[in-house]
Structure formats: structure tokens, C-alpha cells
Protein backbone atom coordinates (compact mmCIF):
# COMPACT_ATOMS: atom_id res chain seq x y z
CA MET A 1 -4.35 7.51 36.00
CA PRO A 2 -3.20 7.26 32.25
CA LYS A 3 -5.95 6.57 29.63
CA ILE A 4 -4.77 4.53 27.10
CA ALA A 5 -6.43 4.53 23.64
CA TYR A 6 -5.31 1.28 21.47
CA LEU A 7 -5.39 2.21 17.58
CA LEU A 8 -6.09 -1.37 15.92
CA LEU A 9 -5.07 -1.41 12.42
CA CYS A 10 -6.90 -4.23 11.05
CA HIS A 11 -8.18 -6.39 7.85
CA GLU A 12 -9.22 -10.00 8.78
CA ASP A 13 -10.53 -12.24 11.11
CA PRO A 14 -13.93 -9.94 12.37
CA ASP A 15 -14.61 -12.46 15.87
CA ALA A 16 -11.09 -12.48 17.10
CA ILE A 17 -11.00 -8.20 16.30
CA ILE A 18 -14.38 -8.15 18.57
CA GLU A 19 -12.64 -10.40 20.96
CA GLN A 20 -9.74 -8.24 20.89
CA ALA A 21 -11.86 -5.14 21.66
CA ARG A 22 -13.72 -6.22 24.25
CA TYR A 23 -10.71 -7.72 26.08
CA LEU A 24 -8.66 -4.19 25.73
CA THR A 25 -11.52 -2.15 26.82
CA LYS A 26 -12.60 -4.04 29.46
CA SER A 27 -9.95 -2.35 31.50
CA GLY A 28 -11.50 1.12 31.11
CA ASN A 29 -9.64 1.81 28.35
CA TYR A 30 -10.24 2.85 24.80
CA ILE A 31 -9.99 1.48 21.21
CA ALA A 32 -10.33 3.42 18.11
CA ILE A 33 -10.47 0.57 14.50
CA HIS A 34 -9.29 1.04 11.35
CA PHE A 35 -10.44 -1.95 9.36
CA ASP A 36 -9.25 -2.13 5.83
CA ARG A 37 -12.15 -0.61 2.93
CA ARG A 38 -10.25 -4.08 0.86
CA SER A 39 -12.03 -6.34 3.36
CA PRO A 40 -15.80 -7.32 3.20
CA THR A 41 -18.51 -4.79 3.96
CA THR A 42 -20.17 -7.55 5.96
CA ALA A 43 -17.47 -8.49 8.16
CA TYR A 44 -17.12 -4.40 8.93
CA ARG A 45 -21.14 -4.65 9.80
CA LYS A 46 -20.11 -7.32 12.53
CA ILE A 47 -17.62 -5.62 13.88
CA ARG A 48 -20.09 -2.11 14.16
CA ASN A 49 -22.91 -4.49 15.22
CA ALA A 50 -20.99 -6.11 18.21
CA LEU A 51 -19.33 -3.11 19.40
CA ALA A 52 -22.20 -1.26 19.40
CA ASP A 53 -22.70 -1.62 23.03
CA ILE A 54 -19.24 -0.69 24.14
CA PRO A 55 -18.92 3.26 24.58
CA ASN A 56 -15.11 2.89 24.66
CA ALA A 57 -14.91 1.59 21.21
CA ALA A 58 -15.09 3.21 18.02
CA LEU A 59 -14.70 2.41 14.23
CA CYS A 60 -13.28 4.38 11.86
CA ARG A 61 -15.70 5.03 9.34
CA LYS A 62 -13.19 7.29 7.04
CA ARG A 63 -11.50 3.51 5.33
CA VAL A 64 -8.78 3.42 3.40
CA LYS A 65 -8.00 0.47 0.83
CA CYS A 66 -4.38 -0.27 2.09
CA ALA A 67 -1.40 -1.86 0.57
CA TRP A 68 1.56 -3.26 2.89
CA GLY A 69 4.33 -0.82 2.92
CA GLY A 70 2.30 1.84 1.44
CA TRP A 71 0.98 5.51 2.08
CA SER A 72 -2.06 3.90 2.58
CA LEU A 73 -1.21 2.47 5.83
CA VAL A 74 -0.17 5.62 7.07
CA GLN A 75 -3.34 7.37 5.66
CA ALA A 76 -5.57 4.50 7.62
CA THR A 77 -3.71 5.37 10.64
CA LEU A 78 -3.95 8.92 10.31
CA ASN A 79 -8.17 8.61 9.63
CA MET A 80 -8.02 6.22 12.92
CA LEU A 81 -5.80 8.57 15.21
CA ARG A 82 -8.54 11.21 14.05
CA THR A 83 -11.44 9.39 15.33
CA GLY A 84 -9.50 8.28 18.43
CA LEU A 85 -9.05 12.20 19.33
CA ALA A 86 -12.52 13.07 18.44
CA VAL A 87 -14.22 10.23 20.13
CA PHE A 88 -12.02 10.02 23.54
CA PRO A 89 -10.88 13.33 24.28
CA ASP A 90 -8.95 11.99 27.27
CA ALA A 91 -7.11 9.50 26.42
CA THR A 92 -3.76 10.40 27.53
CA HIS A 93 -1.59 7.83 25.41
CA PHE A 94 -1.95 6.16 21.95
CA TYR A 95 -1.13 2.65 21.16
CA LEU A 96 -0.82 1.45 17.63
CA ILE A 97 -1.29 -2.30 17.25
CA SER A 98 -2.18 -4.76 14.36
CA GLY A 99 -5.07 -7.50 14.69
CA SER A 100 -2.45 -9.91 15.31
CA CYS A 101 -0.95 -7.99 18.43
CA MET A 102 -1.92 -8.11 22.24
CA PRO A 103 -0.24 -6.73 24.94
CA ILE A 104 1.81 -9.38 27.17
CA LYS A 105 1.19 -7.21 30.27
CA PRO A 106 -1.94 -6.49 31.76
CA ALA A 107 -3.49 -3.27 31.56
CA ALA A 108 -2.60 -2.29 35.40
CA TYR A 109 1.00 -2.50 34.69
CA ALA A 110 0.75 0.05 31.87
CA HIS A 111 -1.60 2.47 33.73
CA ASP A 112 1.36 1.98 36.44
CA PHE A 113 4.24 2.44 34.51
CA LEU A 114 2.61 5.24 32.26
CA GLY A 115 1.75 6.61 35.45
CA ARG A 116 4.98 6.81 37.19
CA ARG A 117 6.75 8.78 33.79
CA ASN A 118 5.75 12.01 33.00
CA VAL A 119 7.63 11.17 29.67
CA ASP A 120 7.17 10.93 25.36
CA TYR A 121 8.06 7.54 24.18
CA ILE A 122 7.98 8.46 20.56
CA GLU A 123 11.98 8.80 19.26
CA SER A 124 12.94 11.25 16.59
CA PHE A 125 15.77 12.34 15.11
CA ASP A 126 16.71 15.65 12.70
CA TYR A 127 17.23 13.36 9.22
CA PHE A 128 19.91 15.75 8.13
CA THR A 129 22.02 16.26 11.34
CA SER A 130 21.49 12.96 13.02
CA THR A 131 24.02 9.71 12.22
CA TRP A 132 21.63 6.80 12.16
CA ILE A 133 21.75 6.70 8.32
CA LYS A 134 25.33 4.41 8.43
CA GLN A 135 25.27 3.98 4.38
CA GLY A 136 23.79 4.82 1.23
CA GLN A 137 22.47 7.88 -0.50
CA ARG A 138 20.60 9.96 2.13
CA GLU A 139 19.00 12.62 -0.53
CA ASP A 140 17.95 9.25 -2.77
CA ARG A 141 15.88 8.23 0.61
CA LEU A 142 13.50 11.51 0.52
CA ILE A 143 12.88 11.29 -3.70
CA TYR A 144 12.69 7.75 -4.19
CA LEU A 145 10.27 4.79 -2.64
CA SER A 146 12.76 2.04 -3.10
CA PHE A 147 16.15 0.93 -3.61
CA PHE A 148 14.95 0.35 -7.19
CA GLN A 149 14.15 3.64 -8.37
CA SER A 150 16.92 4.99 -6.79
CA THR A 151 18.99 2.56 -8.72
CA GLN A 152 17.39 3.04 -11.81
CA ALA A 153 17.61 7.02 -11.53
CA ILE A 154 21.46 6.64 -10.70
CA MET A 155 21.84 4.25 -13.79
CA GLY A 156 19.50 6.32 -15.92
CA ILE A 157 17.23 3.96 -16.69
């Protein structure tokens, strides 16, 4: 049977996070949580204390100060994934969600769906040979963080 490890990236409402973690683990799944370092330490402690009795829940200890759309979210996700891999070595699937997400199908449906298919659900393309970029500069997307930086570089600003 598939064992799902939810990766919960969140920054507020510790009571909702606790409830979400309890709900997602009650069917035997796992949850690894990254709670934004910008958030109050008291909220982090509240989550840690409330989930201490749930063996299927783990808090990422290496917290990152996150900024929307920034590399910090990627770093937080990687830290959380490392936590999940270390604490839940028998997890077969990892499912990234935010504090405002909740699966709309029951765990039994997800287990059945994943158990019937031996496939990977991550899609990837070779950046240089694919045709998914329909307009704009291809190489600039690798060099500049935003359209504005790219425009400034082209205009010599």
C-alpha cells in the first residue's frame, strides 16, 4: 500500500496546522511540516507540543525565513523534504501542500489510485530542446530573476 508523506509549507494559524496534521495522519499517512521562521516562535512551539504524541508527524527543525516567490520557499521545501526522507523512510509518495490546502478526496481513494499505477507524477522537460517556451528570450530566463531585470539588461539601464 502506498504511504503518502505530506509536505506542509505554512506560516500562520497554528491551530489549523495542528488540525490539518491530525486529519492527514489519521489514515496512517505521514506529514512533515516547515513553519516559516518569520512566524512567532510561540506558534512553532505550540505546533511542536501539540504534535509530539503523533509519530507520523515531524517538524522541520531547520526553519527558513520565507519570502513569497523567492528561493527561500525552495530552500524550505528542500529542508522539509530532507526531514520527511529521514523520519519516514518507508514513504512511497511525497505530496507538497500549503497551510491552506487540503486533499478533496479521501485517503482511501489516494491509496487506491497510487497503488494501481506504477508511475511518477512529476513532469519535466529538457529546457533547451523543449518547445514549452512560446515567446520571449529563452536564455534570459536562466540569468535574470524577473522580466524587469531582463528588460533593464536589454535596455542597458
